[in-house]
Protein backbone atom coordinates (compact mmCIF):
# COMPACT_ATOMS: atom_id res chain seq x y z
CA MET A 1 6.24 -16.85 -6.73
CA LYS A 2 2.76 -15.39 -6.72
CA CYS A 3 1.52 -11.97 -5.63
CA ILE A 4 0.13 -12.19 -2.09
CA ILE A 5 -2.83 -10.02 -3.10
CA CYS A 6 -3.97 -11.21 -6.54
CA GLY A 7 -2.02 -14.37 -7.34
CA ARG A 8 -0.35 -12.99 -10.49
CA GLU A 9 3.32 -13.70 -11.10
CA ALA A 10 5.31 -11.74 -8.48
CA GLU A 11 8.00 -9.23 -9.43
CA ASN A 12 9.58 -9.51 -5.99
CA LYS A 13 8.85 -11.81 -3.08
CA ASP A 14 5.43 -10.28 -2.34
CA TYR A 15 3.83 -8.37 -5.17
CA CYS A 16 3.07 -8.48 -8.88
CA LEU A 17 4.15 -5.53 -11.02
CA LEU A 18 0.91 -3.59 -10.39
CA HIS A 19 0.88 -4.05 -6.61
CA LYS A 20 4.64 -3.47 -6.40
CA LYS A 21 4.18 -0.10 -8.14
CA ALA A 22 1.29 0.76 -5.80
CA CYS A 23 3.49 -0.09 -2.80
CA GLU A 24 6.32 2.08 -4.12
CA ASN A 25 3.88 4.95 -4.66
CA LEU A 26 2.50 4.57 -1.14
CA LYS A 27 5.99 4.77 0.34
CA GLU A 28 6.90 7.75 -1.83
CA LYS A 29 3.71 9.69 -1.05
CA TYR A 30 3.95 8.97 2.67
CA GLU A 31 6.76 11.49 3.07
CA HIS A 32 4.46 14.23 1.78
CA TRP A 33 1.61 13.22 4.08
CA LYS A 34 3.91 12.88 7.06
CA LYS A 35 5.32 16.35 6.50
CA ALA A 36 1.91 17.94 5.91
CA LEU A 37 -0.18 16.15 8.53
CA GLY A 38 2.28 14.42 10.85
CA LEU A 39 0.68 11.02 10.27
CA SER A 40 2.33 7.83 11.40
CA TRP A 41 2.85 5.12 8.78
CA ARG A 42 -0.05 3.11 10.23
CA ASP A 43 -2.41 6.11 10.30
CA TYR A 44 -1.43 6.94 6.73
CA LEU A 45 -2.22 3.40 5.59
CA ILE A 46 -5.59 3.56 7.35
CA GLN A 47 -6.36 6.83 5.57
CA VAL A 48 -5.45 5.33 2.20
CA ALA A 49 -7.39 2.11 2.84
CA GLU A 50 -10.55 4.00 3.86
CA ASN A 51 -10.40 6.71 1.19
CA PRO A 52 -12.77 5.90 -1.69
CA PHE A 53 -10.68 8.15 -3.95
CA SER A 54 -7.52 6.09 -3.42
CA GLY A 55 -6.72 3.70 -6.24
CA VAL A 56 -7.87 0.13 -5.89
CA LYS A 57 -4.33 -1.28 -5.94
CA ALA A 58 -3.15 1.27 -3.34
CA ARG A 59 -6.06 0.37 -1.05
CA GLN A 60 -5.32 -3.34 -1.48
CA VAL A 61 -1.65 -2.87 -0.60
CA ALA A 62 -2.49 -0.64 2.38
CA GLU A 63 -4.98 -3.19 3.70
CA THR A 64 -2.50 -6.02 3.22
CA ILE A 65 0.25 -4.18 5.11
CA LEU A 66 -2.18 -3.28 7.91
CA ASN A 67 -3.30 -6.90 8.20
CA GLU A 68 0.32 -8.12 8.32
CA ASP A 69 1.00 -5.80 11.27
CA LYS A 70 -1.78 -7.32 13.41
């Protein structure tokens, strides 16, 4: 299987090792953002995707998840 973002060999059904780690980090950090700012998952992903200080892989994963939800 290939990563749905970059086409590298996938570690799980969707992501390569790098994007999988970025996804795990997004999920882990969400709890902090939710507690601090009360953001929904979608709003959090939008914030990450639009933030130029977010890592490239994190932005790519956030954008991919947002696009899947459309």
